[in-house]
Amino acid sequence: MEKINAIDWNVITDDMHQNGFAVLPNMLSDQQCEALKAAYNNPTSYRKTVVMERYRFGLGEYKYFNYPLPDSIQRIRTAIYPKLAPIANMWFKALNIDKQFPLEHVELLQQCHANNQQKATVLILKYGKGGFNTLHQDLYGDVYFPIQTVLFLNEPDKDFTGGEFILTQQIPRAQSKAIVLKPKKGDMLIFTTNFKPEKGTKGYYRVKMKHGVSEVKSGERYTLGIIFHDALS
């Protein structure tokens, strides 16, 4: 995609190394956001619906897409993965983890399928007033890619209030740090699924990270999560 190729990935790489996240503005048009929201109630698009309260995940609902994915999402997922794989590989090398990720997304999916992870993990999330998402990580199986993205389909403080995106960093032997983000409609947030490396006096160490959503005070909040590995179920 032209938008993805036009991004200064050196800046994004620095942001990911420094913070564990980066924001890409205007990745979806207003029309694309509205089309994805309008399709939310189309049952043929999805393989599974999760009511979050039932599992004590929070308050809201999300749906996993079936394959094939919507064209706009498939293109983004395929095009952005090769930009993120070198970052993931640098992280694992810094942490002396004996794993390197392929540079093409189709090869990662082949690894997933060899491990019986064949279910789509791209999902759309809907929150109403009072909705929230507890802190968590999206791993889904032994084969996982350590970076994921979220596309924001509503305008904060216009379509909804509250509902900030929350990241926490758990530094060893220290208190957790909370990061509060409010991306705009159409923006993409890239962030670590599990951990990031942090340089210390004796080399790099792991900073574990989780993510969630604060309580929605009014309106409706929709986001679309792009996870690059497939799931067992």
Protein backbone atom coordinates (compact mmCIF):
# COMPACT_ATOMS: atom_id res chain seq x y z
CA MET A 1 0.00 0.00 0.00
CA GLU A 2 1.24 3.48 -0.86
CA LYS A 3 0.47 4.89 2.60
CA ILE A 4 2.50 2.17 4.29
CA ASN A 5 5.46 2.55 1.93
CA ALA A 6 5.43 6.34 2.34
CA ILE A 7 5.93 6.13 6.11
CA ASP A 8 9.40 6.85 7.52
CA TRP A 9 9.95 3.43 9.06
CA ASN A 10 13.20 4.55 10.68
CA VAL A 11 11.14 6.89 12.88
CA ILE A 12 8.59 4.16 13.62
CA THR A 13 11.39 1.72 14.47
CA ASP A 14 12.90 4.25 16.90
CA ASP A 15 9.47 4.79 18.51
CA MET A 16 8.98 1.04 18.92
CA HIS A 17 12.44 0.58 20.45
CA GLN A 18 11.94 3.52 22.81
CA ASN A 19 8.28 3.11 23.80
CA GLY A 20 6.97 -0.23 22.61
CA PHE A 21 4.34 1.55 20.48
CA ALA A 22 3.92 3.98 17.58
CA VAL A 23 0.94 5.77 16.00
CA LEU A 24 0.41 5.93 12.22
CA PRO A 25 -2.15 8.67 11.40
CA ASN A 26 -4.88 8.41 8.76
CA MET A 27 -4.34 4.79 7.74
CA LEU A 28 -8.06 4.34 7.00
CA SER A 29 -10.37 6.86 5.33
CA ASP A 30 -13.61 7.93 6.96
CA GLN A 31 -15.48 5.83 4.39
CA GLN A 32 -13.42 2.72 5.19
CA CYS A 33 -14.08 3.17 8.92
CA GLU A 34 -17.81 3.53 8.33
CA ALA A 35 -17.92 0.48 6.04
CA LEU A 36 -16.21 -1.71 8.65
CA LYS A 37 -18.63 -0.54 11.36
CA ALA A 38 -21.64 -1.05 9.07
CA ALA A 39 -20.59 -4.67 8.47
CA TYR A 40 -20.48 -5.43 12.20
CA ASN A 41 -23.93 -7.07 12.14
CA ASN A 42 -23.25 -9.19 9.04
CA PRO A 43 -23.02 -12.74 10.46
CA THR A 44 -21.27 -14.23 7.42
CA SER A 45 -18.16 -12.09 8.03
CA TYR A 46 -17.30 -13.61 11.40
CA ARG A 47 -16.39 -17.01 12.83
CA LYS A 48 -16.88 -16.30 16.52
CA THR A 49 -18.47 -13.71 18.83
CA VAL A 50 -17.16 -13.16 22.36
CA VAL A 51 -19.25 -11.40 25.02
CA MET A 52 -16.51 -10.07 27.26
CA GLU A 53 -18.49 -10.00 30.51
CA ARG A 54 -19.07 -13.76 30.30
CA TYR A 55 -15.32 -14.41 30.58
CA ARG A 56 -14.56 -11.49 32.93
CA PHE A 57 -12.53 -9.84 30.15
CA GLY A 58 -14.39 -6.56 30.62
CA LEU A 59 -17.69 -5.23 29.29
CA GLY A 60 -18.27 -5.21 25.55
CA GLU A 61 -18.23 -7.56 22.58
CA TYR A 62 -15.83 -8.60 19.87
CA LYS A 63 -16.01 -10.73 16.76
CA TYR A 64 -13.29 -12.69 14.99
CA PHE A 65 -13.36 -12.45 11.21
CA ASN A 66 -13.57 -15.46 8.96
CA TYR A 67 -11.11 -15.94 6.14
CA PRO A 68 -11.04 -14.40 3.60
CA LEU A 69 -10.59 -11.09 5.40
CA PRO A 70 -12.06 -7.84 4.02
CA ASP A 71 -9.83 -6.61 1.19
CA SER A 72 -8.72 -3.41 2.95
CA ILE A 73 -7.67 -5.35 6.06
CA GLN A 74 -5.97 -8.13 4.10
CA ARG A 75 -3.90 -5.58 2.19
CA ILE A 76 -2.83 -3.78 5.37
CA ARG A 77 -1.98 -7.01 7.19
CA THR A 78 0.12 -8.31 4.31
CA ALA A 79 1.85 -4.99 3.55
CA ILE A 80 2.72 -3.89 7.07
CA TYR A 81 4.08 -7.20 8.38
CA PRO A 82 7.39 -6.95 6.41
CA LYS A 83 7.96 -3.53 8.01
CA LEU A 84 7.49 -4.96 11.51
CA ALA A 85 9.36 -8.27 11.17
CA PRO A 86 12.82 -6.60 11.26
CA ILE A 87 11.84 -4.82 14.50
CA ALA A 88 10.71 -8.11 16.05
CA ASN A 89 13.92 -9.79 14.93
CA MET A 90 16.06 -7.02 16.47
CA TRP A 91 14.17 -7.40 19.75
CA PHE A 92 14.65 -11.16 19.91
CA LYS A 93 18.32 -10.86 19.00
CA ALA A 94 18.88 -8.22 21.71
CA LEU A 95 17.24 -10.51 24.27
CA ASN A 96 19.21 -13.57 23.08
CA ILE A 97 16.01 -15.41 22.11
CA ASP A 98 16.77 -18.09 19.53
CA LYS A 99 13.97 -17.17 17.14
CA GLN A 100 13.84 -15.07 13.99
CA PHE A 101 10.67 -14.27 12.08
CA PRO A 102 10.25 -14.65 8.31
CA LEU A 103 10.11 -11.39 6.37
CA GLU A 104 6.94 -12.31 4.46
CA HIS A 105 3.61 -12.78 6.22
CA VAL A 106 2.60 -15.86 4.25
CA GLU A 107 5.61 -17.68 5.72
CA LEU A 108 4.55 -16.81 9.28
CA LEU A 109 1.08 -18.20 8.53
CA GLN A 110 2.68 -21.39 7.22
CA GLN A 111 4.42 -21.77 10.60
CA CYS A 112 1.09 -21.22 12.37
CA HIS A 113 -0.67 -23.82 10.23
CA ALA A 114 2.09 -26.36 10.86
CA ASN A 115 1.30 -25.88 14.57
CA ASN A 116 -2.45 -26.35 13.90
CA GLN A 117 -3.09 -22.60 14.35
CA GLN A 118 -5.44 -22.00 11.41
CA LYS A 119 -8.14 -19.63 12.72
CA ALA A 120 -8.20 -15.93 11.79
CA THR A 121 -7.33 -13.60 14.68
CA VAL A 122 -8.30 -10.26 13.11
CA LEU A 123 -11.18 -8.94 15.20
CA ILE A 124 -13.55 -6.00 15.54
CA LEU A 125 -14.47 -4.73 19.01
CA LYS A 126 -17.54 -2.78 20.09
CA TYR A 127 -18.03 -0.98 23.40
CA GLY A 128 -21.06 0.97 24.62
CA LYS A 129 -21.42 3.16 27.69
CA GLY A 130 -19.69 1.48 30.63
CA GLY A 131 -17.64 -0.78 28.35
CA PHE A 132 -13.98 -1.54 29.08
CA ASN A 133 -11.30 -4.15 28.41
CA THR A 134 -9.10 -5.58 31.14
CA LEU A 135 -5.32 -5.66 30.71
CA HIS A 136 -4.24 -8.64 28.61
CA GLN A 137 -1.99 -10.05 25.88
CA ASP A 138 -3.08 -11.67 22.57
CA LEU A 139 -0.94 -14.79 22.06
CA TYR A 140 -3.33 -17.57 20.85
CA GLY A 141 -0.74 -20.35 20.58
CA ASP A 142 2.93 -21.32 20.70
CA VAL A 143 3.58 -19.56 17.37
CA TYR A 144 3.02 -15.84 17.83
CA PHE A 145 4.31 -12.58 16.39
CA PRO A 146 5.30 -10.09 19.13
CA ILE A 147 3.83 -6.94 17.53
CA GLN A 148 0.20 -6.16 16.66
CA THR A 149 -1.90 -3.21 15.51
CA VAL A 150 -5.23 -1.57 16.25
CA LEU A 151 -7.23 0.62 13.85
CA PHE A 152 -9.53 3.20 15.43
CA LEU A 153 -12.94 3.47 13.76
CA ASN A 154 -14.50 6.33 15.79
CA GLU A 155 -13.53 9.88 16.66
CA PRO A 156 -12.78 10.25 20.40
CA ASP A 157 -14.65 13.01 22.27
CA LYS A 158 -17.13 13.16 19.38
CA ASP A 159 -18.48 9.63 18.84
CA PHE A 160 -17.60 8.53 22.38
CA THR A 161 -15.96 9.80 25.57
CA GLY A 162 -13.61 7.86 27.82
CA GLY A 163 -12.44 4.61 26.25
CA GLU A 164 -8.75 5.51 26.18
CA PHE A 165 -6.27 2.87 25.03
CA ILE A 166 -4.10 1.78 27.96
CA LEU A 167 -0.64 0.20 27.84
CA THR A 168 1.25 -0.92 30.93
CA GLN A 169 4.96 -1.62 31.24
CA GLN A 170 6.07 -3.99 33.99
CA ILE A 171 9.73 -3.33 34.72
CA PRO A 172 11.38 -6.08 36.80
CA ARG A 173 11.46 -5.30 40.53
CA ALA A 174 9.59 -2.00 40.02
CA GLN A 175 6.04 -0.66 39.85
CA SER A 176 4.12 -0.76 36.56
CA LYS A 177 4.02 2.28 34.28
CA ALA A 178 0.70 3.18 32.60
CA ILE A 179 0.51 4.87 29.17
CA VAL A 180 -2.79 6.44 28.06
CA LEU A 181 -3.41 7.02 24.33
CA LYS A 182 -6.24 8.64 22.34
CA PRO A 183 -5.65 7.99 18.63
CA LYS A 184 -8.06 9.60 16.17
CA LYS A 185 -10.49 7.97 13.76
CA GLY A 186 -8.60 6.17 11.00
CA ASP A 187 -5.31 6.06 12.95
CA MET A 188 -3.36 2.86 13.48
CA LEU A 189 -1.56 2.05 16.72
CA ILE A 190 1.32 -0.43 16.55
CA PHE A 191 2.38 -1.96 19.85
CA THR A 192 4.09 -4.95 21.40
CA THR A 193 1.98 -8.04 22.04
CA ASN A 194 4.10 -9.37 24.90
CA PHE A 195 7.34 -7.56 25.77
CA LYS A 196 10.02 -5.19 24.50
CA PRO A 197 13.75 -5.04 25.21
CA GLU A 198 15.10 -2.33 27.50
CA LYS A 199 18.81 -1.56 27.77
CA GLY A 200 20.23 -1.83 31.26
CA THR A 201 23.71 -1.65 32.75
CA LYS A 202 24.29 -5.36 32.01
CA GLY A 203 22.69 -5.56 28.58
CA TYR A 204 19.08 -5.85 27.51
CA TYR A 205 16.24 -7.14 29.67
CA ARG A 206 12.54 -7.77 29.06
CA VAL A 207 9.87 -5.21 29.86
CA LYS A 208 6.54 -7.03 29.88
CA MET A 209 3.62 -5.06 28.44
CA LYS A 210 -0.16 -5.49 28.51
CA HIS A 211 -2.96 -3.48 26.93
CA GLY A 212 -6.59 -2.68 27.62
CA VAL A 213 -9.30 -0.02 27.29
CA SER A 214 -10.54 2.35 30.00
CA GLU A 215 -14.26 2.75 30.69
CA VAL A 216 -16.36 4.32 27.94
CA LYS A 217 -18.34 7.16 29.49
CA SER A 218 -20.73 7.78 26.57
CA GLY A 219 -21.38 6.81 22.95
CA GLU A 220 -20.06 3.79 21.06
CA ARG A 221 -16.41 2.88 20.44
CA TYR A 222 -15.29 0.55 17.63
CA THR A 223 -11.76 -0.66 16.93
CA LEU A 224 -10.30 -3.30 14.64
CA GLY A 225 -7.35 -5.38 15.82
CA ILE A 226 -4.86 -6.90 13.39
CA ILE A 227 -2.93 -9.76 14.92
CA PHE A 228 -0.44 -11.40 12.58
CA HIS A 229 -0.47 -14.98 13.84
CA ASP A 230 -3.41 -17.36 13.55
CA ALA A 231 -5.14 -19.08 16.48
CA LEU A 232 -5.79 -22.65 17.62
CA SER A 233 -9.47 -21.88 18.26
